[in-house]
C-alpha atoms as a PDB file:
ATOM      1  CA  UNK A   1     101.037  60.629  39.591  1.00  0.00           C
ATOM      2  CA  UNK A   2     104.529  59.186  39.137  1.00  0.00           C
ATOM      3  CA  UNK A   3     107.024  61.615  40.689  1.00  0.00           C
ATOM      4  CA  UNK A   4     105.410  63.664  43.470  1.00  0.00           C
ATOM      5  CA  UNK A   5     105.322  60.786  45.955  1.00  0.00           C
ATOM      6  CA  UNK A   6     109.127  60.724  45.768  1.00  0.00           C
ATOM      7  CA  UNK A   7     109.648  64.511  45.770  1.00  0.00           C
ATOM      8  CA  UNK A   8     107.276  65.745  48.483  1.00  0.00           C
ATOM      9  CA  UNK A   9     107.671  64.854  52.138  1.00  0.00           C
ATOM     10  CA  UNK A  10     103.894  64.551  52.560  1.00  0.00           C
ATOM     11  CA  UNK A  11     101.019  64.099  50.116  1.00  0.00           C
ATOM     12  CA  UNK A  12      97.318  63.949  50.985  1.00  0.00           C
ATOM     13  CA  UNK A  13      96.793  61.191  48.443  1.00  0.00           C
ATOM     14  CA  UNK A  14      98.396  57.927  47.353  1.00  0.00           C
ATOM     15  CA  UNK A  15      98.748  57.826  43.553  1.00  0.00           C
ATOM     16  CA  UNK A  16      98.733  54.022  43.457  1.00  0.00           C
ATOM     17  CA  UNK A  17      95.968  53.287  45.983  1.00  0.00           C
ATOM     18  CA  UNK A  18      93.553  56.195  45.552  1.00  0.00           C
ATOM     19  CA  UNK A  19      93.167  56.187  41.770  1.00  0.00           C
ATOM     20  CA  UNK A  20      92.676  53.868  38.825  1.00  0.00           C
ATOM     21  CA  UNK A  21      93.853  54.858  35.344  1.00  0.00           C
ATOM     22  CA  UNK A  22      91.615  55.551  32.420  1.00  0.00           C
ATOM     23  CA  UNK A  23      93.198  56.167  29.011  1.00  0.00           C
ATOM     24  CA  UNK A  24      95.354  59.164  28.263  1.00  0.00           C
ATOM     25  CA  UNK A  25      93.307  62.138  27.262  1.00  0.00           C
ATOM     26  CA  UNK A  26      95.784  64.384  25.540  1.00  0.00           C
ATOM     27  CA  UNK A  27      99.499  64.475  24.728  1.00  0.00           C
ATOM     28  CA  UNK A  28     101.890  62.888  27.098  1.00  0.00           C
ATOM     29  CA  UNK A  29     103.826  59.674  27.139  1.00  0.00           C
ATOM     30  CA  UNK A  30     101.031  57.726  25.496  1.00  0.00           C
ATOM     31  CA  UNK A  31      99.596  60.879  24.099  1.00  0.00           C
ATOM     32  CA  UNK A  32     102.883  62.629  24.427  1.00  0.00           C
ATOM     33  CA  UNK A  33     104.979  65.748  24.368  1.00  0.00           C
ATOM     34  CA  UNK A  34     108.734  65.971  24.536  1.00  0.00           C
ATOM     35  CA  UNK A  35     111.092  68.732  25.621  1.00  0.00           C
ATOM     36  CA  UNK A  36     113.833  70.625  23.841  1.00  0.00           C
ATOM     37  CA  UNK A  37     117.342  70.853  25.261  1.00  0.00           C
ATOM     38  CA  UNK A  38     119.246  73.976  24.209  1.00  0.00           C
ATOM     39  CA  UNK A  39     122.983  74.296  24.856  1.00  0.00           C
ATOM     40  CA  UNK A  40     124.976  77.480  24.321  1.00  0.00           C
ATOM     41  CA  UNK A  41     127.395  76.867  21.471  1.00  0.00           C
ATOM     42  CA  UNK A  42     129.787  79.460  22.863  1.00  0.00           C
ATOM     43  CA  UNK A  43     130.190  77.418  26.051  1.00  0.00           C
ATOM     44  CA  UNK A  44     132.749  75.332  24.218  1.00  0.00           C
ATOM     45  CA  UNK A  45     134.502  73.062  26.697  1.00  0.00           C
ATOM     46  CA  UNK A  46     132.788  74.774  29.602  1.00  0.00           C
ATOM     47  CA  UNK A  47     135.523  77.030  31.002  1.00  0.00           C
ATOM     48  CA  UNK A  48     135.294  80.550  32.400  1.00  0.00           C
ATOM     49  CA  UNK A  49     138.843  81.546  31.624  1.00  0.00           C
ATOM     50  CA  UNK A  50     142.316  80.214  31.090  1.00  0.00           C
ATOM     51  CA  UNK A  51     142.739  77.170  33.317  1.00  0.00           C
ATOM     52  CA  UNK A  52     139.578  77.945  35.307  1.00  0.00           C
ATOM     53  CA  UNK A  53     136.954  75.167  35.181  1.00  0.00           C
ATOM     54  CA  UNK A  54     133.336  76.252  34.920  1.00  0.00           C
ATOM     55  CA  UNK A  55     130.586  74.398  36.728  1.00  0.00           C
ATOM     56  CA  UNK A  56     127.829  73.600  34.249  1.00  0.00           C
ATOM     57  CA  UNK A  57     124.488  75.077  35.226  1.00  0.00           C
ATOM     58  CA  UNK A  58     120.976  74.536  33.955  1.00  0.00           C
ATOM     59  CA  UNK A  59     117.935  76.730  33.997  1.00  0.00           C
ATOM     60  CA  UNK A  60     114.983  75.275  35.849  1.00  0.00           C
ATOM     61  CA  UNK A  61     111.436  76.401  36.578  1.00  0.00           C
ATOM     62  CA  UNK A  62     109.517  75.244  39.651  1.00  0.00           C
ATOM     63  CA  UNK A  63     111.095  72.266  41.432  1.00  0.00           C
ATOM     64  CA  UNK A  64     109.245  69.150  40.380  1.00  0.00           C
ATOM     65  CA  UNK A  65     107.890  70.713  37.174  1.00  0.00           C
ATOM     66  CA  UNK A  66     107.960  68.690  33.965  1.00  0.00           C
ATOM     67  CA  UNK A  67     110.911  70.551  32.475  1.00  0.00           C
ATOM     68  CA  UNK A  68     112.872  70.523  35.737  1.00  0.00           C
ATOM     69  CA  UNK A  69     112.446  66.771  36.082  1.00  0.00           C
ATOM     70  CA  UNK A  70     113.330  66.221  32.419  1.00  0.00           C
ATOM     71  CA  UNK A  71     116.599  68.098  32.968  1.00  0.00           C
ATOM     72  CA  UNK A  72     117.371  66.116  36.116  1.00  0.00           C
ATOM     73  CA  UNK A  73     116.569  62.874  34.293  1.00  0.00           C
ATOM     74  CA  UNK A  74     118.988  63.888  31.532  1.00  0.00           C
ATOM     75  CA  UNK A  75     121.754  64.540  34.073  1.00  0.00           C
ATOM     76  CA  UNK A  76     120.965  61.249  35.837  1.00  0.00           C
ATOM     77  CA  UNK A  77     121.128  59.139  32.688  1.00  0.00           C
ATOM     78  CA  UNK A  78     124.135  61.001  31.272  1.00  0.00           C
ATOM     79  CA  UNK A  79     125.936  60.557  34.623  1.00  0.00           C
ATOM     80  CA  UNK A  80     126.622  64.296  34.552  1.00  0.00           C
ATOM     81  CA  UNK A  81     126.242  67.051  37.124  1.00  0.00           C
ATOM     82  CA  UNK A  82     125.052  70.647  37.046  1.00  0.00           C
ATOM     83  CA  UNK A  83     123.725  73.320  39.368  1.00  0.00           C
ATOM     84  CA  UNK A  84     120.019  74.155  38.939  1.00  0.00           C
ATOM     85  CA  UNK A  85     119.351  77.881  38.503  1.00  0.00           C
ATOM     86  CA  UNK A  86     115.677  78.729  39.207  1.00  0.00           C
ATOM     87  CA  UNK A  87     113.796  81.081  36.855  1.00  0.00           C
ATOM     88  CA  UNK A  88     110.213  82.340  36.946  1.00  0.00           C
ATOM     89  CA  UNK A  89     109.401  80.938  33.516  1.00  0.00           C
ATOM     90  CA  UNK A  90     110.723  79.626  30.220  1.00  0.00           C
ATOM     91  CA  UNK A  91     111.059  83.085  28.632  1.00  0.00           C
ATOM     92  CA  UNK A  92     113.424  84.455  31.280  1.00  0.00           C
ATOM     93  CA  UNK A  93     115.266  81.131  31.380  1.00  0.00           C
ATOM     94  CA  UNK A  94     115.939  81.141  27.646  1.00  0.00           C
ATOM     95  CA  UNK A  95     116.994  84.786  27.821  1.00  0.00           C
ATOM     96  CA  UNK A  96     119.433  83.767  30.547  1.00  0.00           C
ATOM     97  CA  UNK A  97     120.787  81.037  28.318  1.00  0.00           C
ATOM     98  CA  UNK A  98     121.352  83.364  25.355  1.00  0.00           C
ATOM     99  CA  UNK A  99     122.844  85.970  27.675  1.00  0.00           C
ATOM    100  CA  UNK A 100     125.386  83.526  29.061  1.00  0.00           C
ATOM    101  CA  UNK A 101     123.938  83.198  32.564  1.00  0.00           C
ATOM    102  CA  UNK A 102     123.457  79.433  32.231  1.00  0.00           C
ATOM    103  CA  UNK A 103     125.016  76.594  30.265  1.00  0.00           C
ATOM    104  CA  UNK A 104     121.866  74.883  29.040  1.00  0.00           C
ATOM    105  CA  UNK A 105     118.100  75.021  29.303  1.00  0.00           C
ATOM    106  CA  UNK A 106     115.398  72.429  28.896  1.00  0.00           C
ATOM    107  CA  UNK A 107     112.009  73.739  27.784  1.00  0.00           C
ATOM    108  CA  UNK A 108     108.686  72.507  26.479  1.00  0.00           C
ATOM    109  CA  UNK A 109     108.738  71.824  22.767  1.00  0.00           C
ATOM    110  CA  UNK A 110     106.209  74.555  22.000  1.00  0.00           C
ATOM    111  CA  UNK A 111     108.269  77.303  23.642  1.00  0.00           C
ATOM    112  CA  UNK A 112     109.235  79.917  21.076  1.00  0.00           C
ATOM    113  CA  UNK A 113     112.637  81.520  21.308  1.00  0.00           C
ATOM    114  CA  UNK A 114     115.334  83.078  19.204  1.00  0.00           C
ATOM    115  CA  UNK A 115     117.605  80.296  20.366  1.00  0.00           C
ATOM    116  CA  UNK A 116     115.357  77.543  18.971  1.00  0.00           C
ATOM    117  CA  UNK A 117     117.683  77.492  15.985  1.00  0.00           C
ATOM    118  CA  UNK A 118     120.601  79.732  15.289  1.00  0.00           C
ATOM    119  CA  UNK A 119     124.120  80.568  16.415  1.00  0.00           C
ATOM    120  CA  UNK A 120     123.294  81.148  20.080  1.00  0.00           C
ATOM    121  CA  UNK A 121     122.371  77.600  21.019  1.00  0.00           C
ATOM    122  CA  UNK A 122     122.370  74.070  19.677  1.00  0.00           C
ATOM    123  CA  UNK A 123     119.088  72.174  20.241  1.00  0.00           C
ATOM    124  CA  UNK A 124     118.230  68.531  20.839  1.00  0.00           C
ATOM    125  CA  UNK A 125     114.969  66.852  21.828  1.00  0.00           C
ATOM    126  CA  UNK A 126     114.088  64.346  24.533  1.00  0.00           C
ATOM    127  CA  UNK A 127     111.943  62.005  22.422  1.00  0.00           C
ATOM    128  CA  UNK A 128     113.612  58.893  21.010  1.00  0.00           C
ATOM    129  CA  UNK A 129     112.762  59.892  17.460  1.00  0.00           C
ATOM    130  CA  UNK A 130     112.650  63.174  15.591  1.00  0.00           C
ATOM    131  CA  UNK A 131     109.682  65.395  16.481  1.00  0.00           C
ATOM    132  CA  UNK A 132     107.497  66.575  13.561  1.00  0.00           C
ATOM    133  CA  UNK A 133     107.502  70.099  15.010  1.00  0.00           C
ATOM    134  CA  UNK A 134     111.303  70.366  14.735  1.00  0.00           C
ATOM    135  CA  UNK A 135     112.450  68.484  11.621  1.00  0.00           C
ATOM    136  CA  UNK A 136     116.184  68.030  11.519  1.00  0.00           C
ATOM    137  CA  UNK A 137     116.702  68.518  15.252  1.00  0.00           C
ATOM    138  CA  UNK A 138     118.347  65.317  16.542  1.00  0.00           C
ATOM    139  CA  UNK A 139     117.055  63.322  19.516  1.00  0.00           C
ATOM    140  CA  UNK A 140     119.357  63.262  22.540  1.00  0.00           C
ATOM    141  CA  UNK A 141     119.121  59.467  22.216  1.00  0.00           C
ATOM    142  CA  UNK A 142     121.340  59.694  19.128  1.00  0.00           C
ATOM    143  CA  UNK A 143     124.260  60.449  21.465  1.00  0.00           C
ATOM    144  CA  UNK A 144     122.836  59.095  24.746  1.00  0.00           C
ATOM    145  CA  UNK A 145     121.389  55.725  23.677  1.00  0.00           C
ATOM    146  CA  UNK A 146     118.020  54.851  25.181  1.00  0.00           C
ATOM    147  CA  UNK A 147     117.327  58.287  26.639  1.00  0.00           C
ATOM    148  CA  UNK A 148     113.735  59.487  26.510  1.00  0.00           C
ATOM    149  CA  UNK A 149     111.733  61.944  28.563  1.00  0.00           C
ATOM    150  CA  UNK A 150     108.154  62.391  27.420  1.00  0.00           C
ATOM    151  CA  UNK A 151     105.471  64.147  29.414  1.00  0.00           C
ATOM    152  CA  UNK A 152     101.832  63.188  29.239  1.00  0.00           C
ATOM    153  CA  UNK A 153      98.305  64.153  30.151  1.00  0.00           C
ATOM    154  CA  UNK A 154      96.071  61.361  31.395  1.00  0.00           C
ATOM    155  CA  UNK A 155      92.765  60.616  33.082  1.00  0.00           C
ATOM    156  CA  UNK A 156      92.428  58.766  36.378  1.00  0.00           C
ATOM    157  CA  UNK A 157      89.315  58.015  38.405  1.00  0.00           C
ATOM    158  CA  UNK A 158      88.760  57.398  42.117  1.00  0.00           C
ATOM    159  CA  UNK A 159      89.592  53.864  43.229  1.00  0.00           C
ATOM    160  CA  UNK A 160      86.471  51.707  43.123  1.00  0.00           C
ATOM    161  CA  UNK A 161      84.994  53.350  40.027  1.00  0.00           C
ATOM    162  CA  UNK A 162      82.973  50.674  38.150  1.00  0.00           C
ATOM    163  CA  UNK A 163      84.770  49.142  35.183  1.00  0.00           C
ATOM    164  CA  UNK A 164      81.928  50.042  32.845  1.00  0.00           C
ATOM    165  CA  UNK A 165      82.438  53.727  33.692  1.00  0.00           C
ATOM    166  CA  UNK A 166      86.176  53.429  33.002  1.00  0.00           C
ATOM    167  CA  UNK A 167      85.378  51.733  29.692  1.00  0.00           C
ATOM    168  CA  UNK A 168      82.925  54.503  28.790  1.00  0.00           C
ATOM    169  CA  UNK A 169      85.482  57.225  29.529  1.00  0.00           C
ATOM    170  CA  UNK A 170      88.068  55.334  27.470  1.00  0.00           C
ATOM    171  CA  UNK A 171      85.824  55.002  24.429  1.00  0.00           C
ATOM    172  CA  UNK A 172      84.696  58.636  24.553  1.00  0.00           C
ATOM    173  CA  UNK A 173      88.237  59.932  25.034  1.00  0.00           C
ATOM    174  CA  UNK A 174      89.562  57.804  22.187  1.00  0.00           C
ATOM    175  CA  UNK A 175      86.793  59.108  19.928  1.00  0.00           C
ATOM    176  CA  UNK A 176      87.647  62.682  20.870  1.00  0.00           C
ATOM    177  CA  UNK A 177      91.341  62.133  20.123  1.00  0.00           C
ATOM    178  CA  UNK A 178      90.546  60.447  16.810  1.00  0.00           C
ATOM    179  CA  UNK A 179      88.501  63.455  15.702  1.00  0.00           C
ATOM    180  CA  UNK A 180      90.819  66.177  17.055  1.00  0.00           C
ATOM    181  CA  UNK A 181      92.642  68.416  14.591  1.00  0.00           C
ATOM    182  CA  UNK A 182      96.132  66.971  14.957  1.00  0.00           C
ATOM    183  CA  UNK A 183      97.809  70.056  13.503  1.00  0.00           C
ATOM    184  CA  UNK A 184      96.468  72.106  16.424  1.00  0.00           C
ATOM    185  CA  UNK A 185      98.006  69.639  18.879  1.00  0.00           C
ATOM    186  CA  UNK A 186     101.320  69.680  17.029  1.00  0.00           C
ATOM    187  CA  UNK A 187     101.462  73.469  17.230  1.00  0.00           C
ATOM    188  CA  UNK A 188     101.125  73.104  21.001  1.00  0.00           C
ATOM    189  CA  UNK A 189     104.036  70.648  21.059  1.00  0.00           C
ATOM    190  CA  UNK A 190     101.748  67.649  21.535  1.00  0.00           C
ATOM    191  CA  UNK A 191     100.863  64.445  19.717  1.00  0.00           C
ATOM    192  CA  UNK A 192      97.834  62.204  20.415  1.00  0.00           C
ATOM    193  CA  UNK A 193      98.542  58.542  21.191  1.00  0.00           C
ATOM    194  CA  UNK A 194      95.455  57.148  22.925  1.00  0.00           C
ATOM    195  CA  UNK A 195      96.100  53.910  24.841  1.00  0.00           C
ATOM    196  CA  UNK A 196      94.101  51.448  26.900  1.00  0.00           C
ATOM    197  CA  UNK A 197      93.710  51.741  30.697  1.00  0.00           C
ATOM    198  CA  UNK A 198      95.913  48.646  31.083  1.00  0.00           C
ATOM    199  CA  UNK A 199      98.690  50.128  28.942  1.00  0.00           C
ATOM    200  CA  UNK A 200      98.416  53.402  30.811  1.00  0.00           C
ATOM    201  CA  UNK A 201      98.759  51.625  34.172  1.00  0.00           C
ATOM    202  CA  UNK A 202     101.841  49.723  32.976  1.00  0.00           C
ATOM    203  CA  UNK A 203     103.449  52.934  31.705  1.00  0.00           C
ATOM    204  CA  UNK A 204     102.821  54.726  35.000  1.00  0.00           C
ATOM    205  CA  UNK A 205     104.387  51.912  37.029  1.00  0.00           C
ATOM    206  CA  UNK A 206     107.523  51.994  34.897  1.00  0.00           C
ATOM    207  CA  UNK A 207     107.736  55.778  35.153  1.00  0.00           C
ATOM    208  CA  UNK A 208     107.188  55.702  38.923  1.00  0.00           C
ATOM    209  CA  UNK A 209     110.215  53.406  39.269  1.00  0.00           C
ATOM    210  CA  UNK A 210     112.294  55.734  37.063  1.00  0.00           C
ATOM    211  CA  UNK A 211     111.470  58.856  39.081  1.00  0.00           C
ATOM    212  CA  UNK A 212     112.199  57.038  42.321  1.00  0.00           C
ATOM    213  CA  UNK A 213     115.770  56.542  41.117  1.00  0.00           C
ATOM    214  CA  UNK A 214     116.178  60.010  39.592  1.00  0.00           C
ATOM    215  CA  UNK A 215     114.837  61.825  42.670  1.00  0.00           C
ATOM    216  CA  UNK A 216     117.069  59.829  44.999  1.00  0.00           C
ATOM    217  CA  UNK A 217     120.254  60.184  42.960  1.00  0.00           C
ATOM    218  CA  UNK A 218     119.687  63.875  42.123  1.00  0.00           C
ATOM    219  CA  UNK A 219     118.496  64.684  45.688  1.00  0.00           C
ATOM    220  CA  UNK A 220     115.273  66.437  44.627  1.00  0.00           C
ATOM    221  CA  UNK A 221     113.028  67.224  47.592  1.00  0.00           C
ATOM    222  CA  UNK A 222     110.266  69.668  48.529  1.00  0.00           C
ATOM    223  CA  UNK A 223     108.960  69.953  52.083  1.00  0.00           C
END
């Protein structure tokens, strides 16, 4: 809804013209999840050998996936560079990190790994504040002021849907979120933050502008 129109050469829909937003339904930016950045401690200054610079490299899943875009957004805002190394999933990617194949990895918060805490890697999170699932793990924003990358799940309806239907979906979704066992969401790396359709629309516009810049500067494209 906010990034694909910049990444893909052709889409069979227009996110802005073909849909109208309802409230968020489950964790994301308004009902959000964040990602965890893990960096190998042993990388040190990032050198292969004496006097030989090492190009930083990041693990990435499918191009355009949430974690791939979060990593590219981090590089964009940090004004850094790295080579994306594709993996089939978060498990193999984290194994590659611990094994020294890559410099850092960015995964969903709920991903379980031996390198979540410990000597192999040093973690940080992409939310602006500490996540309840990982107490004591600092936000990246503590060293990169203003940085945030939060994914979200949301509900949209076809353009032209009557306002009373949108209002009905909003009220029912909000009620569902209010009565959901929050601990179950937290275990999945999520947190409910129901918002209004108007707030959701504003958030999507801001995020669309962000991804336009990130995709262009980081040269992210899929045919």
